[in-house]
Amino acid sequence: MSKLKVQLHNKIPKSSLQYAPNSYDVIGSIAIIDIHPKIKRYQKVIANILLKHNKNITTILKKNSSIKGTYRIRKLTFLAGKR
């Protein structure tokens, strides 16, 4: 079980825990996570847990699309932290 899933253990239902992200990308002080559609309602809880337990992360973004175009850009949505 990943460290994030351990931290989420009492925060989201056990049946939803299997859909929690196992990893996330960190670029500087920004974390980018991929939220499974089945746990979309817990995305703010997951983002706040990441902020609380990772002092070097100040912003959490969610992946909203696949990588597209020549410059390999994807759409992201703000979830928590500094804008």
PDB file of N, CA and C in Angstrom:
ATOM      1  N   MET A   1       0.856  -1.179   0.000  1.00  0.00           N
ATOM      2  CA  MET A   1       0.000   0.000   0.000  1.00  0.00           C
ATOM      3  C   MET A   1       0.901   1.240   0.000  1.00  0.00           C
ATOM      4  N   SER A   2       0.582   2.202  -0.871  1.00  0.00           N
ATOM      5  CA  SER A   2       1.404   3.408  -0.974  1.00  0.00           C
ATOM      6  C   SER A   2       1.223   4.292   0.267  1.00  0.00           C
ATOM      7  N   LYS A   3       2.178   5.173   0.472  1.00  0.00           N
ATOM      8  CA  LYS A   3       2.136   6.081   1.616  1.00  0.00           C
ATOM      9  C   LYS A   3       0.864   6.944   1.580  1.00  0.00           C
ATOM     10  N   LEU A   4       0.485   7.394   0.384  1.00  0.00           N
ATOM     11  CA  LEU A   4      -0.722   8.201   0.247  1.00  0.00           C
ATOM     12  C   LEU A   4      -1.957   7.407   0.646  1.00  0.00           C
ATOM     13  N   LYS A   5      -2.045   6.159   0.231  1.00  0.00           N
ATOM     14  CA  LYS A   5      -3.201   5.335   0.588  1.00  0.00           C
ATOM     15  C   LYS A   5      -3.268   5.086   2.089  1.00  0.00           C
ATOM     16  N   VAL A   6      -2.123   4.957   2.728  1.00  0.00           N
ATOM     17  CA  VAL A   6      -2.097   4.789   4.184  1.00  0.00           C
ATOM     18  C   VAL A   6      -2.659   6.049   4.848  1.00  0.00           C
ATOM     19  N   GLN A   7      -2.276   7.214   4.351  1.00  0.00           N
ATOM     20  CA  GLN A   7      -2.756   8.479   4.919  1.00  0.00           C
ATOM     21  C   GLN A   7      -4.247   8.676   4.662  1.00  0.00           C
ATOM     22  N   LEU A   8      -4.763   8.101   3.583  1.00  0.00           N
ATOM     23  CA  LEU A   8      -6.184   8.240   3.242  1.00  0.00           C
ATOM     24  C   LEU A   8      -7.061   7.182   3.906  1.00  0.00           C
ATOM     25  N   HIS A   9      -6.450   6.236   4.563  1.00  0.00           N
ATOM     26  CA  HIS A   9      -7.149   5.065   5.106  1.00  0.00           C
ATOM     27  C   HIS A   9      -8.418   5.412   5.887  1.00  0.00           C
ATOM     28  N   ASN A  10      -8.388   6.413   6.746  1.00  0.00           N
ATOM     29  CA  ASN A  10      -9.562   6.778   7.545  1.00  0.00           C
ATOM     30  C   ASN A  10     -10.347   7.954   6.973  1.00  0.00           C
ATOM     31  N   LYS A  11      -9.919   8.452   5.823  1.00  0.00           N
ATOM     32  CA  LYS A  11     -10.544   9.640   5.244  1.00  0.00           C
ATOM     33  C   LYS A  11     -11.564   9.336   4.150  1.00  0.00           C
ATOM     34  N   ILE A  12     -11.368   8.230   3.441  1.00  0.00           N
ATOM     35  CA  ILE A  12     -12.320   7.847   2.396  1.00  0.00           C
ATOM     36  C   ILE A  12     -12.718   6.389   2.623  1.00  0.00           C
ATOM     37  N   PRO A  13     -13.876   5.961   2.107  1.00  0.00           N
ATOM     38  CA  PRO A  13     -14.328   4.583   2.323  1.00  0.00           C
ATOM     39  C   PRO A  13     -13.337   3.552   1.771  1.00  0.00           C
ATOM     40  N   LYS A  14     -13.247   2.414   2.419  1.00  0.00           N
ATOM     41  CA  LYS A  14     -12.321   1.359   1.996  1.00  0.00           C
ATOM     42  C   LYS A  14     -12.607   0.905   0.568  1.00  0.00           C
ATOM     43  N   SER A  15     -13.876   0.885   0.183  1.00  0.00           N
ATOM     44  CA  SER A  15     -14.218   0.464  -1.180  1.00  0.00           C
ATOM     45  C   SER A  15     -13.678   1.432  -2.229  1.00  0.00           C
ATOM     46  N   SER A  16     -13.479   2.684  -1.867  1.00  0.00           N
ATOM     47  CA  SER A  16     -12.945   3.689  -2.787  1.00  0.00           C
ATOM     48  C   SER A  16     -11.430   3.787  -2.726  1.00  0.00           C
ATOM     49  N   LEU A  17     -10.845   3.262  -1.688  1.00  0.00           N
ATOM     50  CA  LEU A  17      -9.406   3.364  -1.477  1.00  0.00           C
ATOM     51  C   LEU A  17      -8.606   2.715  -2.611  1.00  0.00           C
ATOM     52  N   GLN A  18      -9.154   1.683  -3.217  1.00  0.00           N
ATOM     53  CA  GLN A  18      -8.455   1.012  -4.310  1.00  0.00           C
ATOM     54  C   GLN A  18      -8.275   1.917  -5.532  1.00  0.00           C
ATOM     55  N   TYR A  19      -9.077   2.957  -5.659  1.00  0.00           N
ATOM     56  CA  TYR A  19      -8.986   3.882  -6.786  1.00  0.00           C
ATOM     57  C   TYR A  19      -8.116   5.099  -6.488  1.00  0.00           C
ATOM     58  N   ALA A  20      -7.635   5.218  -5.272  1.00  0.00           N
ATOM     59  CA  ALA A  20      -6.769   6.345  -4.903  1.00  0.00           C
ATOM     60  C   ALA A  20      -5.457   6.251  -5.673  1.00  0.00           C
ATOM     61  N   PRO A  21      -4.876   7.404  -6.014  1.00  0.00           N
ATOM     62  CA  PRO A  21      -3.624   7.370  -6.779  1.00  0.00           C
ATOM     63  C   PRO A  21      -2.485   6.730  -5.986  1.00  0.00           C
ATOM     64  N   ASN A  22      -1.663   5.945  -6.680  1.00  0.00           N
ATOM     65  CA  ASN A  22      -0.486   5.331  -6.060  1.00  0.00           C
ATOM     66  C   ASN A  22       0.702   6.284  -6.088  1.00  0.00           C
ATOM     67  N   SER A  23       0.683   7.215  -7.037  1.00  0.00           N
ATOM     68  CA  SER A  23       1.793   8.144  -7.182  1.00  0.00           C
ATOM     69  C   SER A  23       1.280   9.463  -7.749  1.00  0.00           C
ATOM     70  N   TYR A  24       2.167  10.423  -7.800  1.00  0.00           N
ATOM     71  CA  TYR A  24       1.847  11.738  -8.344  1.00  0.00           C
ATOM     72  C   TYR A  24       3.145  12.365  -8.836  1.00  0.00           C
ATOM     73  N   ASP A  25       3.022  13.313  -9.756  1.00  0.00           N
ATOM     74  CA  ASP A  25       4.186  14.012 -10.294  1.00  0.00           C
ATOM     75  C   ASP A  25       4.428  15.267  -9.476  1.00  0.00           C
ATOM     76  N   VAL A  26       5.691  15.568  -9.228  1.00  0.00           N
ATOM     77  CA  VAL A  26       6.049  16.798  -8.525  1.00  0.00           C
ATOM     78  C   VAL A  26       6.978  17.598  -9.415  1.00  0.00           C
ATOM     79  N   ILE A  27       6.592  18.846  -9.655  1.00  0.00           N
ATOM     80  CA  ILE A  27       7.414  19.774 -10.419  1.00  0.00           C
ATOM     81  C   ILE A  27       7.602  20.998  -9.535  1.00  0.00           C
ATOM     82  N   GLY A  28       8.779  21.139  -8.960  1.00  0.00           N
ATOM     83  CA  GLY A  28       9.027  22.216  -8.005  1.00  0.00           C
ATOM     84  C   GLY A  28       8.172  22.007  -6.774  1.00  0.00           C
ATOM     85  N   SER A  29       7.268  22.940  -6.513  1.00  0.00           N
ATOM     86  CA  SER A  29       6.382  22.830  -5.355  1.00  0.00           C
ATOM     87  C   SER A  29       4.945  22.479  -5.759  1.00  0.00           C
ATOM     88  N   ILE A  30       4.789  22.009  -6.996  1.00  0.00           N
ATOM     89  CA  ILE A  30       3.463  21.657  -7.529  1.00  0.00           C
ATOM     90  C   ILE A  30       3.359  20.146  -7.683  1.00  0.00           C
ATOM     91  N   ALA A  31       2.284  19.572  -7.157  1.00  0.00           N
ATOM     92  CA  ALA A  31       2.006  18.144  -7.337  1.00  0.00           C
ATOM     93  C   ALA A  31       0.852  18.006  -8.323  1.00  0.00           C
ATOM     94  N   ILE A  32       0.992  17.080  -9.257  1.00  0.00           N
ATOM     95  CA  ILE A  32      -0.039  16.824 -10.262  1.00  0.00           C
ATOM     96  C   ILE A  32      -0.509  15.388 -10.065  1.00  0.00           C
ATOM     97  N   ILE A  33      -1.805  15.233  -9.772  1.00  0.00           N
ATOM     98  CA  ILE A  33      -2.354  13.906  -9.503  1.00  0.00           C
ATOM     99  C   ILE A  33      -3.406  13.540 -10.542  1.00  0.00           C
ATOM    100  N   ASP A  34      -3.579  12.251 -10.715  1.00  0.00           N
ATOM    101  CA  ASP A  34      -4.594  11.718 -11.620  1.00  0.00           C
ATOM    102  C   ASP A  34      -5.674  11.080 -10.757  1.00  0.00           C
ATOM    103  N   ILE A  35      -6.860  11.645 -10.771  1.00  0.00           N
ATOM    104  CA  ILE A  35      -7.972  11.178  -9.938  1.00  0.00           C
ATOM    105  C   ILE A  35      -8.895  10.284 -10.768  1.00  0.00           C
ATOM    106  N   HIS A  36      -9.107   9.072 -10.302  1.00  0.00           N
ATOM    107  CA  HIS A  36     -10.023   8.136 -10.962  1.00  0.00           C
ATOM    108  C   HIS A  36     -11.449   8.692 -10.863  1.00  0.00           C
ATOM    109  N   PRO A  37     -12.252   8.564 -11.926  1.00  0.00           N
ATOM    110  CA  PRO A  37     -13.629   9.095 -11.889  1.00  0.00           C
ATOM    111  C   PRO A  37     -14.481   8.574 -10.732  1.00  0.00           C
ATOM    112  N   LYS A  38     -14.208   7.359 -10.256  1.00  0.00           N
ATOM    113  CA  LYS A  38     -15.006   6.785  -9.167  1.00  0.00           C
ATOM    114  C   LYS A  38     -14.739   7.451  -7.817  1.00  0.00           C
ATOM    115  N   ILE A  39     -13.642   8.196  -7.691  1.00  0.00           N
ATOM    116  CA  ILE A  39     -13.355   8.880  -6.417  1.00  0.00           C
ATOM    117  C   ILE A  39     -13.299  10.396  -6.598  1.00  0.00           C
ATOM    118  N   LYS A  40     -13.932  10.879  -7.654  1.00  0.00           N
ATOM    119  CA  LYS A  40     -13.932  12.314  -7.939  1.00  0.00           C
ATOM    120  C   LYS A  40     -14.465  13.128  -6.760  1.00  0.00           C
ATOM    121  N   ARG A  41     -15.440  12.596  -6.048  1.00  0.00           N
ATOM    122  CA  ARG A  41     -16.019  13.359  -4.934  1.00  0.00           C
ATOM    123  C   ARG A  41     -15.047  13.527  -3.762  1.00  0.00           C
ATOM    124  N   TYR A  42     -13.968  12.743  -3.744  1.00  0.00           N
ATOM    125  CA  TYR A  42     -12.966  12.825  -2.674  1.00  0.00           C
ATOM    126  C   TYR A  42     -11.694  13.556  -3.109  1.00  0.00           C
ATOM    127  N   GLN A  43     -11.724  14.184  -4.279  1.00  0.00           N
ATOM    128  CA  GLN A  43     -10.509  14.807  -4.808  1.00  0.00           C
ATOM    129  C   GLN A  43      -9.969  15.911  -3.904  1.00  0.00           C
ATOM    130  N   LYS A  44     -10.826  16.692  -3.284  1.00  0.00           N
ATOM    131  CA  LYS A  44     -10.361  17.746  -2.372  1.00  0.00           C
ATOM    132  C   LYS A  44      -9.740  17.147  -1.109  1.00  0.00           C
ATOM    133  N   VAL A  45     -10.308  16.070  -0.613  1.00  0.00           N
ATOM    134  CA  VAL A  45      -9.760  15.387   0.563  1.00  0.00           C
ATOM    135  C   VAL A  45      -8.362  14.865   0.243  1.00  0.00           C
ATOM    136  N   ILE A  46      -8.209  14.226  -0.907  1.00  0.00           N
ATOM    137  CA  ILE A  46      -6.914  13.694  -1.328  1.00  0.00           C
ATOM    138  C   ILE A  46      -5.897  14.821  -1.469  1.00  0.00           C
ATOM    139  N   ALA A  47      -6.307  15.924  -2.096  1.00  0.00           N
ATOM    140  CA  ALA A  47      -5.410  17.065  -2.283  1.00  0.00           C
ATOM    141  C   ALA A  47      -4.973  17.650  -0.940  1.00  0.00           C
ATOM    142  N   ASN A  48      -5.897  17.785  -0.023  1.00  0.00           N
ATOM    143  CA  ASN A  48      -5.549  18.349   1.290  1.00  0.00           C
ATOM    144  C   ASN A  48      -4.639  17.430   2.096  1.00  0.00           C
ATOM    145  N   ILE A  49      -4.811  16.125   1.969  1.00  0.00           N
ATOM    146  CA  ILE A  49      -3.910  15.172   2.632  1.00  0.00           C
ATOM    147  C   ILE A  49      -2.495  15.312   2.068  1.00  0.00           C
ATOM    148  N   LEU A  50      -2.393  15.437   0.747  1.00  0.00           N
ATOM    149  CA  LEU A  50      -1.078  15.637   0.137  1.00  0.00           C
ATOM    150  C   LEU A  50      -0.412  16.907   0.648  1.00  0.00           C
ATOM    151  N   LEU A  51      -1.172  17.982   0.728  1.00  0.00           N
ATOM    152  CA  LEU A  51      -0.614  19.247   1.236  1.00  0.00           C
ATOM    153  C   LEU A  51      -0.164  19.116   2.690  1.00  0.00           C
ATOM    154  N   LYS A  52      -0.966  18.462   3.472  1.00  0.00           N
ATOM    155  CA  LYS A  52      -0.678  18.340   4.899  1.00  0.00           C
ATOM    156  C   LYS A  52       0.580  17.512   5.179  1.00  0.00           C
ATOM    157  N   HIS A  53       0.787  16.463   4.410  1.00  0.00           N
ATOM    158  CA  HIS A  53       1.878  15.529   4.683  1.00  0.00           C
ATOM    159  C   HIS A  53       3.133  15.763   3.843  1.00  0.00           C
ATOM    160  N   ASN A  54       3.098  16.740   2.956  1.00  0.00           N
ATOM    161  CA  ASN A  54       4.267  17.067   2.125  1.00  0.00           C
ATOM    162  C   ASN A  54       4.509  18.562   2.206  1.00  0.00           C
ATOM    163  N   LYS A  55       5.355  18.969   3.107  1.00  0.00           N
ATOM    164  CA  LYS A  55       5.572  20.394   3.378  1.00  0.00           C
ATOM    165  C   LYS A  55       6.192  21.143   2.198  1.00  0.00           C
ATOM    166  N   ASN A  56       6.888  20.425   1.287  1.00  0.00           N
ATOM    167  CA  ASN A  56       7.494  21.096   0.142  1.00  0.00           C
ATOM    168  C   ASN A  56       6.514  21.323  -1.004  1.00  0.00           C
ATOM    169  N   ILE A  57       5.319  20.755  -0.909  1.00  0.00           N
ATOM    170  CA  ILE A  57       4.288  20.946  -1.936  1.00  0.00           C
ATOM    171  C   ILE A  57       3.346  22.056  -1.490  1.00  0.00           C
ATOM    172  N   THR A  58       3.132  23.036  -2.383  1.00  0.00           N
ATOM    173  CA  THR A  58       2.252  24.159  -2.047  1.00  0.00           C
ATOM    174  C   THR A  58       0.994  24.209  -2.909  1.00  0.00           C
ATOM    175  N   THR A  59       0.997  23.492  -4.035  1.00  0.00           N
ATOM    176  CA  THR A  59      -0.143  23.510  -4.944  1.00  0.00           C
ATOM    177  C   THR A  59      -0.424  22.097  -5.451  1.00  0.00           C
ATOM    178  N   ILE A  60      -1.716  21.748  -5.509  1.00  0.00           N
ATOM    179  CA  ILE A  60      -2.132  20.451  -6.049  1.00  0.00           C
ATOM    180  C   ILE A  60      -2.994  20.702  -7.281  1.00  0.00           C
ATOM    181  N   LEU A  61      -2.619  20.087  -8.398  1.00  0.00           N
ATOM    182  CA  LEU A  61      -3.382  20.174  -9.637  1.00  0.00           C
ATOM    183  C   LEU A  61      -3.834  18.774 -10.044  1.00  0.00           C
ATOM    184  N   LYS A  62      -4.965  18.707 -10.762  1.00  0.00           N
ATOM    185  CA  LYS A  62      -5.508  17.435 -11.234  1.00  0.00           C
ATOM    186  C   LYS A  62      -5.410  17.373 -12.750  1.00  0.00           C
ATOM    187  N   LYS A  63      -4.994  16.228 -13.269  1.00  0.00           N
ATOM    188  CA  LYS A  63      -4.953  16.020 -14.716  1.00  0.00           C
ATOM    189  C   LYS A  63      -6.380  15.969 -15.242  1.00  0.00           C
ATOM    190  N   ASN A  64      -6.642  16.742 -16.325  1.00  0.00           N
ATOM    191  CA  ASN A  64      -7.990  16.769 -16.898  1.00  0.00           C
ATOM    192  C   ASN A  64      -8.057  16.220 -18.313  1.00  0.00           C
ATOM    193  N   SER A  65      -6.906  16.038 -18.951  1.00  0.00           N
ATOM    194  CA  SER A  65      -6.909  15.547 -20.322  1.00  0.00           C
ATOM    195  C   SER A  65      -5.634  14.770 -20.573  1.00  0.00           C
ATOM    196  N   SER A  66      -5.605  14.128 -21.708  1.00  0.00           N
ATOM    197  CA  SER A  66      -4.373  13.448 -22.109  1.00  0.00           C
ATOM    198  C   SER A  66      -3.432  14.483 -22.729  1.00  0.00           C
ATOM    199  N   ILE A  67      -2.206  14.080 -22.943  1.00  0.00           N
ATOM    200  CA  ILE A  67      -1.215  14.969 -23.541  1.00  0.00           C
ATOM    201  C   ILE A  67      -1.538  15.132 -25.019  1.00  0.00           C
ATOM    202  N   LYS A  68      -1.530  16.391 -25.504  1.00  0.00           N
ATOM    203  CA  LYS A  68      -1.897  16.671 -26.893  1.00  0.00           C
ATOM    204  C   LYS A  68      -0.939  17.668 -27.513  1.00  0.00           C
ATOM    205  N   GLY A  69      -0.857  17.617 -28.815  1.00  0.00           N
ATOM    206  CA  GLY A  69      -0.144  18.641 -29.573  1.00  0.00           C
ATOM    207  C   GLY A  69       1.364  18.479 -29.641  1.00  0.00           C
ATOM    208  N   THR A  70       1.957  19.363 -30.408  1.00  0.00           N
ATOM    209  CA  THR A  70       3.393  19.369 -30.614  1.00  0.00           C
ATOM    210  C   THR A  70       4.153  19.597 -29.324  1.00  0.00           C
ATOM    211  N   TYR A  71       3.623  20.431 -28.451  1.00  0.00           N
ATOM    212  CA  TYR A  71       4.305  20.776 -27.211  1.00  0.00           C
ATOM    213  C   TYR A  71       3.906  19.887 -26.032  1.00  0.00           C
ATOM    214  N   ARG A  72       3.119  18.840 -26.317  1.00  0.00           N
ATOM    215  CA  ARG A  72       2.726  17.845 -25.306  1.00  0.00           C
ATOM    216  C   ARG A  72       2.126  18.497 -24.059  1.00  0.00           C
ATOM    217  N   ILE A  73       1.080  19.249 -24.275  1.00  0.00           N
ATOM    218  CA  ILE A  73       0.421  19.993 -23.197  1.00  0.00           C
ATOM    219  C   ILE A  73      -0.863  19.278 -22.800  1.00  0.00           C
ATOM    220  N   ARG A  74      -1.192  19.351 -21.508  1.00  0.00           N
ATOM    221  CA  ARG A  74      -2.454  18.788 -21.023  1.00  0.00           C
ATOM    222  C   ARG A  74      -3.181  19.834 -20.194  1.00  0.00           C
ATOM    223  N   LYS A  75      -4.488  19.673 -20.054  1.00  0.00           N
ATOM    224  CA  LYS A  75      -5.282  20.568 -19.224  1.00  0.00           C
ATOM    225  C   LYS A  75      -5.205  20.098 -17.776  1.00  0.00           C
ATOM    226  N   LEU A  76      -5.060  21.073 -16.863  1.00  0.00           N
ATOM    227  CA  LEU A  76      -4.979  20.805 -15.435  1.00  0.00           C
ATOM    228  C   LEU A  76      -6.018  21.640 -14.707  1.00  0.00           C
ATOM    229  N   THR A  77      -6.492  21.144 -13.573  1.00  0.00           N
ATOM    230  CA  THR A  77      -7.446  21.865 -12.733  1.00  0.00           C
ATOM    231  C   THR A  77      -6.855  22.040 -11.347  1.00  0.00           C
ATOM    232  N   PHE A  78      -7.007  23.229 -10.800  1.00  0.00           N
ATOM    233  CA  PHE A  78      -6.544  23.527  -9.444  1.00  0.00           C
ATOM    234  C   PHE A  78      -7.430  22.803  -8.431  1.00  0.00           C
ATOM    235  N   LEU A  79      -6.800  22.144  -7.440  1.00  0.00           N
ATOM    236  CA  LEU A  79      -7.556  21.477  -6.385  1.00  0.00           C
ATOM    237  C   LEU A  79      -7.336  22.105  -5.009  1.00  0.00           C
ATOM    238  N   ALA A  80      -6.083  22.420  -4.669  1.00  0.00           N
ATOM    239  CA  ALA A  80      -5.817  22.943  -3.329  1.00  0.00           C
ATOM    240  C   ALA A  80      -4.467  23.659  -3.294  1.00  0.00           C
ATOM    241  N   GLY A  81      -4.305  24.487  -2.254  1.00  0.00           N
ATOM    242  CA  GLY A  81      -3.039  25.182  -2.033  1.00  0.00           C
ATOM    243  C   GLY A  81      -3.018  26.587  -2.609  1.00  0.00           C
ATOM    244  N   LYS A  82      -1.815  27.040  -2.945  1.00  0.00           N
ATOM    245  CA  LYS A  82      -1.648  28.380  -3.513  1.00  0.00           C
ATOM    246  C   LYS A  82      -1.957  28.360  -5.010  1.00  0.00           C
ATOM    247  N   ARG A  83      -2.603  29.416  -5.483  1.00  0.00           N
ATOM    248  CA  ARG A  83      -2.901  29.536  -6.921  1.00  0.00           C
ATOM    249  C   ARG A  83      -1.759  30.161  -7.650  1.00  0.00           C
TER     250      ARG A  83
END
